[in-house]
């Protein structure tokens, strides 16, 4: 992420390490590599996504209505840009997603090709 940080829209994103300093309910932009997706059967359709930037992890909460609206990027993207609202409760920080963009194509510009040995 540090290689993309100076480009739009990444320069306006909060770092994972600074989310705990936000007031609960404040609007933020975040982004990162998708490291995990969970949709537990007990969560009534809620999707939980973990993003990683150069400073740590970002926990996203995606309500079912937003999942239907942004289904493709939420289920397949490897790099996400998200606009949402921060929820801070004690030491736990979540971002409630409101808008999602698949920015996976930007990884091709910064990631070196694989070094395959056969």
PDB file of N, CA and C in Angstrom:
ATOM      1  N   UNK A   1       0.819  -1.195   0.000  1.00  0.00           N
ATOM      2  CA  UNK A   1       0.000   0.000   0.000  1.00  0.00           C
ATOM      3  C   UNK A   1       0.859   1.254   0.000  1.00  0.00           C
ATOM      4  N   UNK A   2       2.003   1.187   0.600  1.00  0.00           N
ATOM      5  CA  UNK A   2       2.846   2.382   0.644  1.00  0.00           C
ATOM      6  C   UNK A   2       3.251   2.835  -0.762  1.00  0.00           C
ATOM      7  N   UNK A   3       3.335   1.910  -1.711  1.00  0.00           N
ATOM      8  CA  UNK A   3       3.670   2.276  -3.085  1.00  0.00           C
ATOM      9  C   UNK A   3       2.536   3.025  -3.775  1.00  0.00           C
ATOM     10  N   UNK A   4       1.316   2.838  -3.314  1.00  0.00           N
ATOM     11  CA  UNK A   4       0.145   3.493  -3.905  1.00  0.00           C
ATOM     12  C   UNK A   4      -0.275   4.750  -3.146  1.00  0.00           C
ATOM     13  N   UNK A   5       0.259   4.951  -1.964  1.00  0.00           N
ATOM     14  CA  UNK A   5      -0.244   5.954  -1.025  1.00  0.00           C
ATOM     15  C   UNK A   5      -0.319   7.373  -1.592  1.00  0.00           C
ATOM     16  N   UNK A   6       0.552   7.759  -2.460  1.00  0.00           N
ATOM     17  CA  UNK A   6       0.550   9.130  -2.980  1.00  0.00           C
ATOM     18  C   UNK A   6      -0.409   9.336  -4.147  1.00  0.00           C
ATOM     19  N   UNK A   7      -1.026   8.249  -4.620  1.00  0.00           N
ATOM     20  CA  UNK A   7      -1.941   8.350  -5.748  1.00  0.00           C
ATOM     21  C   UNK A   7      -3.373   8.517  -5.264  1.00  0.00           C
ATOM     22  N   UNK A   8      -4.192   9.087  -6.133  1.00  0.00           N
ATOM     23  CA  UNK A   8      -5.619   9.190  -5.839  1.00  0.00           C
ATOM     24  C   UNK A   8      -6.237   7.808  -6.006  1.00  0.00           C
ATOM     25  N   UNK A   9      -7.108   7.307  -5.167  1.00  0.00           N
ATOM     26  CA  UNK A   9      -7.721   7.910  -3.985  1.00  0.00           C
ATOM     27  C   UNK A   9      -6.995   7.581  -2.689  1.00  0.00           C
ATOM     28  N   UNK A  10      -5.848   6.926  -2.767  1.00  0.00           N
ATOM     29  CA  UNK A  10      -5.179   6.417  -1.570  1.00  0.00           C
ATOM     30  C   UNK A  10      -4.637   7.507  -0.668  1.00  0.00           C
ATOM     31  N   UNK A  11      -4.298   8.674  -1.216  1.00  0.00           N
ATOM     32  CA  UNK A  11      -3.726   9.730  -0.366  1.00  0.00           C
ATOM     33  C   UNK A  11      -4.733  10.262   0.646  1.00  0.00           C
ATOM     34  N   UNK A  12      -6.020  10.060   0.385  1.00  0.00           N
ATOM     35  CA  UNK A  12      -7.061  10.531   1.304  1.00  0.00           C
ATOM     36  C   UNK A  12      -7.525   9.462   2.288  1.00  0.00           C
ATOM     37  N   UNK A  13      -6.889   8.302   2.252  1.00  0.00           N
ATOM     38  CA  UNK A  13      -7.304   7.197   3.114  1.00  0.00           C
ATOM     39  C   UNK A  13      -6.627   7.271   4.482  1.00  0.00           C
ATOM     40  N   UNK A  14      -7.381   6.878   5.472  1.00  0.00           N
ATOM     41  CA  UNK A  14      -6.838   6.727   6.822  1.00  0.00           C
ATOM     42  C   UNK A  14      -6.002   5.466   6.881  1.00  0.00           C
ATOM     43  N   UNK A  15      -4.934   5.529   7.624  1.00  0.00           N
ATOM     44  CA  UNK A  15      -4.130   4.341   7.879  1.00  0.00           C
ATOM     45  C   UNK A  15      -4.809   3.495   8.946  1.00  0.00           C
ATOM     46  N   UNK A  16      -4.588   2.200   8.893  1.00  0.00           N
ATOM     47  CA  UNK A  16      -5.150   1.312   9.909  1.00  0.00           C
ATOM     48  C   UNK A  16      -4.708   1.741  11.303  1.00  0.00           C
ATOM     49  N   UNK A  17      -3.475   2.167  11.436  1.00  0.00           N
ATOM     50  CA  UNK A  17      -2.936   2.556  12.746  1.00  0.00           C
ATOM     51  C   UNK A  17      -3.575   3.816  13.312  1.00  0.00           C
ATOM     52  N   UNK A  18      -4.255   4.601  12.480  1.00  0.00           N
ATOM     53  CA  UNK A  18      -4.857   5.848  12.972  1.00  0.00           C
ATOM     54  C   UNK A  18      -6.365   5.737  13.209  1.00  0.00           C
ATOM     55  N   UNK A  19      -6.964   4.603  12.889  1.00  0.00           N
ATOM     56  CA  UNK A  19      -8.420   4.473  13.034  1.00  0.00           C
ATOM     57  C   UNK A  19      -8.876   4.542  14.484  1.00  0.00           C
ATOM     58  N   UNK A  20      -8.065   4.066  15.412  1.00  0.00           N
ATOM     59  CA  UNK A  20      -8.438   4.098  16.827  1.00  0.00           C
ATOM     60  C   UNK A  20      -8.532   5.522  17.356  1.00  0.00           C
ATOM     61  N   UNK A  21      -7.914   6.478  16.664  1.00  0.00           N
ATOM     62  CA  UNK A  21      -7.954   7.883  17.073  1.00  0.00           C
ATOM     63  C   UNK A  21      -9.210   8.593  16.583  1.00  0.00           C
ATOM     64  N   UNK A  22      -9.974   7.953  15.723  1.00  0.00           N
ATOM     65  CA  UNK A  22     -11.191   8.559  15.168  1.00  0.00           C
ATOM     66  C   UNK A  22     -12.324   8.494  16.186  1.00  0.00           C
ATOM     67  N   UNK A  23     -13.196   9.478  16.105  1.00  0.00           N
ATOM     68  CA  UNK A  23     -14.410   9.433  16.916  1.00  0.00           C
ATOM     69  C   UNK A  23     -15.367   8.425  16.311  1.00  0.00           C
ATOM     70  N   UNK A  24     -16.040   7.700  17.167  1.00  0.00           N
ATOM     71  CA  UNK A  24     -17.028   6.745  16.688  1.00  0.00           C
ATOM     72  C   UNK A  24     -18.116   7.488  15.917  1.00  0.00           C
ATOM     73  N   UNK A  25     -18.438   6.993  14.752  1.00  0.00           N
ATOM     74  CA  UNK A  25     -19.441   7.619  13.904  1.00  0.00           C
ATOM     75  C   UNK A  25     -18.871   8.528  12.836  1.00  0.00           C
ATOM     76  N   UNK A  26     -17.568   8.801  12.885  1.00  0.00           N
ATOM     77  CA  UNK A  26     -16.987   9.694  11.890  1.00  0.00           C
ATOM     78  C   UNK A  26     -16.791   8.987  10.553  1.00  0.00           C
ATOM     79  N   UNK A  27     -16.859   9.765   9.484  1.00  0.00           N
ATOM     80  CA  UNK A  27     -16.711   9.263   8.120  1.00  0.00           C
ATOM     81  C   UNK A  27     -15.233   9.090   7.808  1.00  0.00           C
ATOM     82  N   UNK A  28     -14.868   7.972   7.182  1.00  0.00           N
ATOM     83  CA  UNK A  28     -13.483   7.726   6.788  1.00  0.00           C
ATOM     84  C   UNK A  28     -13.429   7.079   5.418  1.00  0.00           C
ATOM     85  N   UNK A  29     -12.254   7.181   4.830  1.00  0.00           N
ATOM     86  CA  UNK A  29     -11.921   6.429   3.625  1.00  0.00           C
ATOM     87  C   UNK A  29     -10.763   5.522   4.017  1.00  0.00           C
ATOM     88  N   UNK A  30     -10.861   4.254   3.660  1.00  0.00           N
ATOM     89  CA  UNK A  30      -9.796   3.302   3.954  1.00  0.00           C
ATOM     90  C   UNK A  30      -9.567   2.435   2.728  1.00  0.00           C
ATOM     91  N   UNK A  31      -8.446   1.783   2.719  1.00  0.00           N
ATOM     92  CA  UNK A  31      -8.167   0.880   1.622  1.00  0.00           C
ATOM     93  C   UNK A  31      -7.083  -0.092   1.994  1.00  0.00           C
ATOM     94  N   UNK A  32      -7.080  -1.208   1.304  1.00  0.00           N
ATOM     95  CA  UNK A  32      -6.040  -2.187   1.559  1.00  0.00           C
ATOM     96  C   UNK A  32      -6.256  -3.475   0.795  1.00  0.00           C
ATOM     97  N   UNK A  33      -5.295  -4.349   0.986  1.00  0.00           N
ATOM     98  CA  UNK A  33      -5.360  -5.676   0.393  1.00  0.00           C
ATOM     99  C   UNK A  33      -6.346  -6.521   1.192  1.00  0.00           C
ATOM    100  N   UNK A  34      -7.170  -7.278   0.504  1.00  0.00           N
ATOM    101  CA  UNK A  34      -8.120  -8.158   1.178  1.00  0.00           C
ATOM    102  C   UNK A  34      -7.358  -9.390   1.654  1.00  0.00           C
ATOM    103  N   UNK A  35      -7.364  -9.607   2.979  1.00  0.00           N
ATOM    104  CA  UNK A  35      -6.673 -10.776   3.531  1.00  0.00           C
ATOM    105  C   UNK A  35      -7.646 -11.832   4.030  1.00  0.00           C
ATOM    106  N   UNK A  36      -8.910 -11.470   4.169  1.00  0.00           N
ATOM    107  CA  UNK A  36      -9.883 -12.467   4.609  1.00  0.00           C
ATOM    108  C   UNK A  36     -11.314 -11.984   4.459  1.00  0.00           C
ATOM    109  N   UNK A  37     -12.193 -12.934   4.214  1.00  0.00           N
ATOM    110  CA  UNK A  37     -13.634 -12.682   4.142  1.00  0.00           C
ATOM    111  C   UNK A  37     -14.328 -13.741   4.979  1.00  0.00           C
ATOM    112  N   UNK A  38     -15.301 -13.322   5.774  1.00  0.00           N
ATOM    113  CA  UNK A  38     -16.079 -14.263   6.573  1.00  0.00           C
ATOM    114  C   UNK A  38     -17.544 -13.890   6.480  1.00  0.00           C
ATOM    115  N   UNK A  39     -18.355 -14.905   6.328  1.00  0.00           N
ATOM    116  CA  UNK A  39     -19.803 -14.699   6.306  1.00  0.00           C
ATOM    117  C   UNK A  39     -20.435 -15.805   7.151  1.00  0.00           C
ATOM    118  N   UNK A  40     -20.323 -15.669   8.476  1.00  0.00           N
ATOM    119  CA  UNK A  40     -20.825 -16.727   9.356  1.00  0.00           C
ATOM    120  C   UNK A  40     -22.343 -16.881   9.238  1.00  0.00           C
ATOM    121  N   UNK A  41     -22.791 -18.101   9.352  1.00  0.00           N
ATOM    122  CA  UNK A  41     -24.233 -18.358   9.246  1.00  0.00           C
ATOM    123  C   UNK A  41     -25.005 -17.692  10.388  1.00  0.00           C
ATOM    124  N   UNK A  42     -24.353 -17.415  11.490  1.00  0.00           N
ATOM    125  CA  UNK A  42     -25.014 -16.778  12.629  1.00  0.00           C
ATOM    126  C   UNK A  42     -25.095 -15.258  12.493  1.00  0.00           C
ATOM    127  N   UNK A  43     -24.490 -14.687  11.448  1.00  0.00           N
ATOM    128  CA  UNK A  43     -24.434 -13.229  11.298  1.00  0.00           C
ATOM    129  C   UNK A  43     -25.562 -12.661  10.445  1.00  0.00           C
ATOM    130  N   UNK A  44     -26.527 -13.461  10.087  1.00  0.00           N
ATOM    131  CA  UNK A  44     -27.710 -13.009   9.342  1.00  0.00           C
ATOM    132  C   UNK A  44     -27.365 -12.267   8.055  1.00  0.00           C
ATOM    133  N   UNK A  45     -26.393 -12.799   7.312  1.00  0.00           N
ATOM    134  CA  UNK A  45     -26.047 -12.221   6.020  1.00  0.00           C
ATOM    135  C   UNK A  45     -24.978 -11.144   6.047  1.00  0.00           C
ATOM    136  N   UNK A  46     -24.481 -10.790   7.214  1.00  0.00           N
ATOM    137  CA  UNK A  46     -23.429  -9.783   7.329  1.00  0.00           C
ATOM    138  C   UNK A  46     -22.098 -10.394   6.891  1.00  0.00           C
ATOM    139  N   UNK A  47     -21.324  -9.613   6.130  1.00  0.00           N
ATOM    140  CA  UNK A  47     -20.014 -10.035   5.651  1.00  0.00           C
ATOM    141  C   UNK A  47     -18.947  -9.265   6.413  1.00  0.00           C
ATOM    142  N   UNK A  48     -17.925  -9.959   6.858  1.00  0.00           N
ATOM    143  CA  UNK A  48     -16.789  -9.343   7.551  1.00  0.00           C
ATOM    144  C   UNK A  48     -15.566  -9.511   6.668  1.00  0.00           C
ATOM    145  N   UNK A  49     -14.889  -8.394   6.406  1.00  0.00           N
ATOM    146  CA  UNK A  49     -13.698  -8.404   5.549  1.00  0.00           C
ATOM    147  C   UNK A  49     -12.539  -7.805   6.327  1.00  0.00           C
ATOM    148  N   UNK A  50     -11.383  -8.417   6.200  1.00  0.00           N
ATOM    149  CA  UNK A  50     -10.167  -7.857   6.785  1.00  0.00           C
ATOM    150  C   UNK A  50      -9.305  -7.320   5.657  1.00  0.00           C
ATOM    151  N   UNK A  51      -8.961  -6.038   5.780  1.00  0.00           N
ATOM    152  CA  UNK A  51      -8.036  -5.395   4.846  1.00  0.00           C
ATOM    153  C   UNK A  51      -6.710  -5.188   5.559  1.00  0.00           C
ATOM    154  N   UNK A  52      -5.647  -5.129   4.785  1.00  0.00           N
ATOM    155  CA  UNK A  52      -4.341  -4.849   5.358  1.00  0.00           C
ATOM    156  C   UNK A  52      -3.685  -3.721   4.585  1.00  0.00           C
ATOM    157  N   UNK A  53      -3.209  -2.707   5.323  1.00  0.00           N
ATOM    158  CA  UNK A  53      -2.381  -1.673   4.700  1.00  0.00           C
ATOM    159  C   UNK A  53      -0.990  -1.766   5.316  1.00  0.00           C
ATOM    160  N   UNK A  54      -0.138  -0.787   5.050  1.00  0.00           N
ATOM    161  CA  UNK A  54       1.243  -0.868   5.522  1.00  0.00           C
ATOM    162  C   UNK A  54       1.387  -0.711   7.028  1.00  0.00           C
ATOM    163  N   UNK A  55       0.297  -0.368   7.730  1.00  0.00           N
ATOM    164  CA  UNK A  55       0.385  -0.171   9.179  1.00  0.00           C
ATOM    165  C   UNK A  55      -0.400  -1.188   9.998  1.00  0.00           C
ATOM    166  N   UNK A  56      -1.199  -2.039   9.354  1.00  0.00           N
ATOM    167  CA  UNK A  56      -1.958  -3.026  10.110  1.00  0.00           C
ATOM    168  C   UNK A  56      -3.235  -3.453   9.421  1.00  0.00           C
ATOM    169  N   UNK A  57      -4.156  -3.985  10.215  1.00  0.00           N
ATOM    170  CA  UNK A  57      -5.414  -4.527   9.699  1.00  0.00           C
ATOM    171  C   UNK A  57      -6.578  -3.575   9.913  1.00  0.00           C
ATOM    172  N   UNK A  58      -7.530  -3.645   8.992  1.00  0.00           N
ATOM    173  CA  UNK A  58      -8.768  -2.863   9.054  1.00  0.00           C
ATOM    174  C   UNK A  58      -9.916  -3.856   8.990  1.00  0.00           C
ATOM    175  N   UNK A  59     -10.796  -3.794   9.978  1.00  0.00           N
ATOM    176  CA  UNK A  59     -11.951  -4.681  10.040  1.00  0.00           C
ATOM    177  C   UNK A  59     -13.156  -3.992   9.426  1.00  0.00           C
ATOM    178  N   UNK A  60     -13.687  -4.569   8.347  1.00  0.00           N
ATOM    179  CA  UNK A  60     -14.872  -4.019   7.691  1.00  0.00           C
ATOM    180  C   UNK A  60     -16.099  -4.845   8.061  1.00  0.00           C
ATOM    181  N   UNK A  61     -17.196  -4.132   8.248  1.00  0.00           N
ATOM    182  CA  UNK A  61     -18.491  -4.774   8.427  1.00  0.00           C
ATOM    183  C   UNK A  61     -19.348  -4.359   7.245  1.00  0.00           C
ATOM    184  N   UNK A  62     -19.909  -5.342   6.551  1.00  0.00           N
ATOM    185  CA  UNK A  62     -20.739  -5.075   5.375  1.00  0.00           C
ATOM    186  C   UNK A  62     -22.127  -5.638   5.638  1.00  0.00           C
ATOM    187  N   UNK A  63     -23.108  -4.750   5.761  1.00  0.00           N
ATOM    188  CA  UNK A  63     -24.474  -5.193   5.990  1.00  0.00           C
ATOM    189  C   UNK A  63     -25.022  -5.860   4.728  1.00  0.00           C
ATOM    190  N   UNK A  64     -26.011  -6.740   4.871  1.00  0.00           N
ATOM    191  CA  UNK A  64     -26.555  -7.477   3.727  1.00  0.00           C
ATOM    192  C   UNK A  64     -27.023  -6.594   2.570  1.00  0.00           C
ATOM    193  N   UNK A  65     -27.632  -5.454   2.852  1.00  0.00           N
ATOM    194  CA  UNK A  65     -28.111  -4.579   1.772  1.00  0.00           C
ATOM    195  C   UNK A  65     -26.958  -4.048   0.928  1.00  0.00           C
ATOM    196  N   UNK A  66     -25.821  -3.733   1.556  1.00  0.00           N
ATOM    197  CA  UNK A  66     -24.660  -3.255   0.816  1.00  0.00           C
ATOM    198  C   UNK A  66     -23.991  -4.403   0.069  1.00  0.00           C
ATOM    199  N   UNK A  67     -24.023  -5.575   0.642  1.00  0.00           N
ATOM    200  CA  UNK A  67     -23.458  -6.745  -0.023  1.00  0.00           C
ATOM    201  C   UNK A  67     -24.159  -7.005  -1.352  1.00  0.00           C
ATOM    202  N   UNK A  68     -25.464  -6.845  -1.384  1.00  0.00           N
ATOM    203  CA  UNK A  68     -26.199  -7.043  -2.640  1.00  0.00           C
ATOM    204  C   UNK A  68     -25.838  -5.974  -3.666  1.00  0.00           C
ATOM    205  N   UNK A  69     -25.626  -4.747  -3.203  1.00  0.00           N
ATOM    206  CA  UNK A  69     -25.309  -3.636  -4.103  1.00  0.00           C
ATOM    207  C   UNK A  69     -23.902  -3.753  -4.709  1.00  0.00           C
ATOM    208  N   UNK A  70     -22.944  -4.193  -3.906  1.00  0.00           N
ATOM    209  CA  UNK A  70     -21.542  -4.265  -4.331  1.00  0.00           C
ATOM    210  C   UNK A  70     -21.021  -5.700  -4.302  1.00  0.00           C
ATOM    211  N   UNK A  71     -21.869  -6.638  -4.639  1.00  0.00           N
ATOM    212  CA  UNK A  71     -21.551  -8.063  -4.516  1.00  0.00           C
ATOM    213  C   UNK A  71     -20.244  -8.464  -5.208  1.00  0.00           C
ATOM    214  N   UNK A  72     -20.081  -8.113  -6.462  1.00  0.00           N
ATOM    215  CA  UNK A  72     -18.898  -8.539  -7.222  1.00  0.00           C
ATOM    216  C   UNK A  72     -17.587  -8.069  -6.580  1.00  0.00           C
ATOM    217  N   UNK A  73     -17.408  -6.774  -6.310  1.00  0.00           N
ATOM    218  CA  UNK A  73     -16.138  -6.370  -5.707  1.00  0.00           C
ATOM    219  C   UNK A  73     -15.934  -6.929  -4.299  1.00  0.00           C
ATOM    220  N   UNK A  74     -16.999  -7.012  -3.532  1.00  0.00           N
ATOM    221  CA  UNK A  74     -16.854  -7.510  -2.165  1.00  0.00           C
ATOM    222  C   UNK A  74     -16.433  -8.966  -2.115  1.00  0.00           C
ATOM    223  N   UNK A  75     -16.852  -9.753  -3.083  1.00  0.00           N
ATOM    224  CA  UNK A  75     -16.549 -11.177  -3.049  1.00  0.00           C
ATOM    225  C   UNK A  75     -15.328 -11.579  -3.876  1.00  0.00           C
ATOM    226  N   UNK A  76     -14.838 -10.662  -4.737  1.00  0.00           N
ATOM    227  CA  UNK A  76     -13.733 -11.091  -5.598  1.00  0.00           C
ATOM    228  C   UNK A  76     -12.514 -10.173  -5.613  1.00  0.00           C
ATOM    229  N   UNK A  77     -12.624  -8.941  -5.168  1.00  0.00           N
ATOM    230  CA  UNK A  77     -11.503  -7.990  -5.263  1.00  0.00           C
ATOM    231  C   UNK A  77     -10.343  -8.378  -4.350  1.00  0.00           C
ATOM    232  N   UNK A  78      -9.146  -8.074  -4.781  1.00  0.00           N
ATOM    233  CA  UNK A  78      -7.973  -8.279  -3.933  1.00  0.00           C
ATOM    234  C   UNK A  78      -7.472  -6.966  -3.336  1.00  0.00           C
ATOM    235  N   UNK A  79      -7.942  -5.827  -3.875  1.00  0.00           N
ATOM    236  CA  UNK A  79      -7.607  -4.505  -3.346  1.00  0.00           C
ATOM    237  C   UNK A  79      -8.884  -3.678  -3.333  1.00  0.00           C
ATOM    238  N   UNK A  80      -9.262  -3.182  -2.148  1.00  0.00           N
ATOM    239  CA  UNK A  80     -10.509  -2.429  -2.012  1.00  0.00           C
ATOM    240  C   UNK A  80     -10.267  -1.024  -1.496  1.00  0.00           C
ATOM    241  N   UNK A  81     -11.048  -0.087  -2.028  1.00  0.00           N
ATOM    242  CA  UNK A  81     -11.159   1.278  -1.517  1.00  0.00           C
ATOM    243  C   UNK A  81     -12.565   1.380  -0.932  1.00  0.00           C
ATOM    244  N   UNK A  82     -12.668   1.838   0.313  1.00  0.00           N
ATOM    245  CA  UNK A  82     -13.949   1.826   1.020  1.00  0.00           C
ATOM    246  C   UNK A  82     -14.204   3.173   1.675  1.00  0.00           C
ATOM    247  N   UNK A  83     -15.435   3.658   1.513  1.00  0.00           N
ATOM    248  CA  UNK A  83     -15.905   4.818   2.265  1.00  0.00           C
ATOM    249  C   UNK A  83     -16.878   4.277   3.301  1.00  0.00           C
ATOM    250  N   UNK A  84     -16.725   4.733   4.535  1.00  0.00           N
ATOM    251  CA  UNK A  84     -17.599   4.205   5.573  1.00  0.00           C
ATOM    252  C   UNK A  84     -17.544   5.018   6.845  1.00  0.00           C
ATOM    253  N   UNK A  85     -18.092   4.423   7.879  1.00  0.00           N
ATOM    254  CA  UNK A  85     -18.205   5.068   9.182  1.00  0.00           C
ATOM    255  C   UNK A  85     -17.465   4.225  10.211  1.00  0.00           C
ATOM    256  N   UNK A  86     -16.693   4.880  11.052  1.00  0.00           N
ATOM    257  CA  UNK A  86     -15.908   4.191  12.073  1.00  0.00           C
ATOM    258  C   UNK A  86     -16.776   3.905  13.292  1.00  0.00           C
ATOM    259  N   UNK A  87     -16.611   2.729  13.840  1.00  0.00           N
ATOM    260  CA  UNK A  87     -17.200   2.394  15.134  1.00  0.00           C
ATOM    261  C   UNK A  87     -16.065   1.973  16.047  1.00  0.00           C
ATOM    262  N   UNK A  88     -15.903   2.719  17.136  1.00  0.00           N
ATOM    263  CA  UNK A  88     -14.860   2.431  18.112  1.00  0.00           C
ATOM    264  C   UNK A  88     -15.542   2.087  19.426  1.00  0.00           C
ATOM    265  N   UNK A  89     -15.248   0.901  19.911  1.00  0.00           N
ATOM    266  CA  UNK A  89     -15.803   0.481  21.190  1.00  0.00           C
ATOM    267  C   UNK A  89     -14.685  -0.165  21.988  1.00  0.00           C
ATOM    268  N   UNK A  90     -14.224   0.538  23.007  1.00  0.00           N
ATOM    269  CA  UNK A  90     -13.055   0.147  23.793  1.00  0.00           C
ATOM    270  C   UNK A  90     -11.872   0.006  22.846  1.00  0.00           C
ATOM    271  N   UNK A  91     -11.253  -1.150  22.752  1.00  0.00           N
ATOM    272  CA  UNK A  91     -10.079  -1.314  21.892  1.00  0.00           C
ATOM    273  C   UNK A  91     -10.426  -1.894  20.521  1.00  0.00           C
ATOM    274  N   UNK A  92     -11.719  -2.080  20.245  1.00  0.00           N
ATOM    275  CA  UNK A  92     -12.139  -2.687  18.982  1.00  0.00           C
ATOM    276  C   UNK A  92     -12.589  -1.598  18.008  1.00  0.00           C
ATOM    277  N   UNK A  93     -12.015  -1.615  16.819  1.00  0.00           N
ATOM    278  CA  UNK A  93     -12.336  -0.626  15.786  1.00  0.00           C
ATOM    279  C   UNK A  93     -12.845  -1.350  14.542  1.00  0.00           C
ATOM    280  N   UNK A  94     -13.997  -0.909  14.053  1.00  0.00           N
ATOM    281  CA  UNK A  94     -14.573  -1.448  12.821  1.00  0.00           C
ATOM    282  C   UNK A  94     -14.903  -0.286  11.896  1.00  0.00           C
ATOM    283  N   UNK A  95     -14.922  -0.564  10.609  1.00  0.00           N
ATOM    284  CA  UNK A  95     -15.431   0.391   9.633  1.00  0.00           C
ATOM    285  C   UNK A  95     -16.687  -0.227   9.033  1.00  0.00           C
ATOM    286  N   UNK A  96     -17.807   0.480   9.166  1.00  0.00           N
ATOM    287  CA  UNK A  96     -19.058   0.036   8.573  1.00  0.00           C
ATOM    288  C   UNK A  96     -19.064   0.558   7.142  1.00  0.00           C
ATOM    289  N   UNK A  97     -18.973  -0.339   6.192  1.00  0.00           N
ATOM    290  CA  UNK A  97     -18.844   0.044   4.789  1.00  0.00           C
ATOM    291  C   UNK A  97     -20.115   0.718   4.274  1.00  0.00           C
ATOM    292  N   UNK A  98     -19.911   1.773   3.474  1.00  0.00           N
ATOM    293  CA  UNK A  98     -21.020   2.471   2.841  1.00  0.00           C
ATOM    294  C   UNK A  98     -20.894   2.500   1.329  1.00  0.00           C
ATOM    295  N   UNK A  99     -19.654   2.464   0.850  1.00  0.00           N
ATOM    296  CA  UNK A  99     -19.366   2.457  -0.589  1.00  0.00           C
ATOM    297  C   UNK A  99     -18.069   1.683  -0.786  1.00  0.00           C
ATOM    298  N   UNK A 100     -18.024   0.875  -1.829  1.00  0.00           N
ATOM    299  CA  UNK A 100     -16.874   0.004  -2.071  1.00  0.00           C
ATOM    300  C   UNK A 100     -16.456   0.094  -3.530  1.00  0.00           C
ATOM    301  N   UNK A 101     -15.140   0.140  -3.765  1.00  0.00           N
ATOM    302  CA  UNK A 101     -14.605   0.119  -5.125  1.00  0.00           C
ATOM    303  C   UNK A 101     -13.522  -0.944  -5.233  1.00  0.00           C
ATOM    304  N   UNK A 102     -13.593  -1.712  -6.284  1.00  0.00           N
ATOM    305  CA  UNK A 102     -12.551  -2.693  -6.604  1.00  0.00           C
ATOM    306  C   UNK A 102     -11.415  -1.942  -7.289  1.00  0.00           C
ATOM    307  N   UNK A 103     -10.236  -1.940  -6.681  1.00  0.00           N
ATOM    308  CA  UNK A 103      -9.062  -1.273  -7.252  1.00  0.00           C
ATOM    309  C   UNK A 103      -7.955  -2.282  -7.549  1.00  0.00           C
ATOM    310  N   UNK A 104      -8.338  -3.541  -7.714  1.00  0.00           N
ATOM    311  CA  UNK A 104      -7.371  -4.622  -7.927  1.00  0.00           C
ATOM    312  C   UNK A 104      -6.460  -4.362  -9.123  1.00  0.00           C
ATOM    313  N   UNK A 105      -6.970  -3.689 -10.136  1.00  0.00           N
ATOM    314  CA  UNK A 105      -6.163  -3.412 -11.335  1.00  0.00           C
ATOM    315  C   UNK A 105      -4.907  -2.611 -11.008  1.00  0.00           C
ATOM    316  N   UNK A 106      -4.929  -1.849  -9.919  1.00  0.00           N
ATOM    317  CA  UNK A 106      -3.763  -1.040  -9.547  1.00  0.00           C
ATOM    318  C   UNK A 106      -2.605  -1.883  -9.038  1.00  0.00           C
ATOM    319  N   UNK A 107      -2.879  -3.093  -8.629  1.00  0.00           N
ATOM    320  CA  UNK A 107      -1.805  -3.967  -8.151  1.00  0.00           C
ATOM    321  C   UNK A 107      -0.869  -4.355  -9.286  1.00  0.00           C
ATOM    322  N   UNK A 108      -1.379  -4.429 -10.492  1.00  0.00           N
ATOM    323  CA  UNK A 108      -0.559  -4.807 -11.641  1.00  0.00           C
ATOM    324  C   UNK A 108       0.512  -3.763 -11.926  1.00  0.00           C
ATOM    325  N   UNK A 109       0.246  -2.509 -11.538  1.00  0.00           N
ATOM    326  CA  UNK A 109       1.205  -1.443 -11.776  1.00  0.00           C
ATOM    327  C   UNK A 109       2.375  -1.469 -10.800  1.00  0.00           C
ATOM    328  N   UNK A 110       2.171  -2.043  -9.609  1.00  0.00           N
ATOM    329  CA  UNK A 110       3.217  -2.000  -8.587  1.00  0.00           C
ATOM    330  C   UNK A 110       3.797  -3.361  -8.246  1.00  0.00           C
ATOM    331  N   UNK A 111       3.063  -4.424  -8.520  1.00  0.00           N
ATOM    332  CA  UNK A 111       3.544  -5.759  -8.153  1.00  0.00           C
ATOM    333  C   UNK A 111       4.491  -6.301  -9.219  1.00  0.00           C
ATOM    334  N   UNK A 112       5.646  -6.765  -8.791  1.00  0.00           N
ATOM    335  CA  UNK A 112       6.537  -7.383  -9.779  1.00  0.00           C
ATOM    336  C   UNK A 112       5.960  -8.718 -10.225  1.00  0.00           C
ATOM    337  N   UNK A 113       6.343  -9.138 -11.400  1.00  0.00           N
ATOM    338  CA  UNK A 113       5.906 -10.443 -11.889  1.00  0.00           C
ATOM    339  C   UNK A 113       6.500 -11.547 -11.037  1.00  0.00           C
ATOM    340  N   UNK A 114       5.904 -12.702 -11.090  1.00  0.00           N
ATOM    341  CA  UNK A 114       6.410 -13.818 -10.294  1.00  0.00           C
ATOM    342  C   UNK A 114       7.716 -14.322 -10.873  1.00  0.00           C
ATOM    343  N   UNK A 115       8.529 -14.866 -10.005  1.00  0.00           N
ATOM    344  CA  UNK A 115       9.773 -15.478 -10.427  1.00  0.00           C
ATOM    345  C   UNK A 115       9.580 -16.982 -10.313  1.00  0.00           C
ATOM    346  N   UNK A 116       9.211 -17.593 -11.401  1.00  0.00           N
ATOM    347  CA  UNK A 116       8.903 -19.010 -11.393  1.00  0.00           C
ATOM    348  C   UNK A 116      10.142 -19.819 -11.791  1.00  0.00           C
ATOM    349  N   UNK A 117      10.405 -20.838 -11.037  1.00  0.00           N
ATOM    350  CA  UNK A 117      11.533 -21.723 -11.319  1.00  0.00           C
ATOM    351  C   UNK A 117      10.980 -23.113 -11.579  1.00  0.00           C
ATOM    352  N   UNK A 118      11.263 -23.662 -12.729  1.00  0.00           N
ATOM    353  CA  UNK A 118      10.739 -24.986 -13.085  1.00  0.00           C
ATOM    354  C   UNK A 118      11.868 -25.972 -13.219  1.00  0.00           C
TER     355      UNK A 118
END
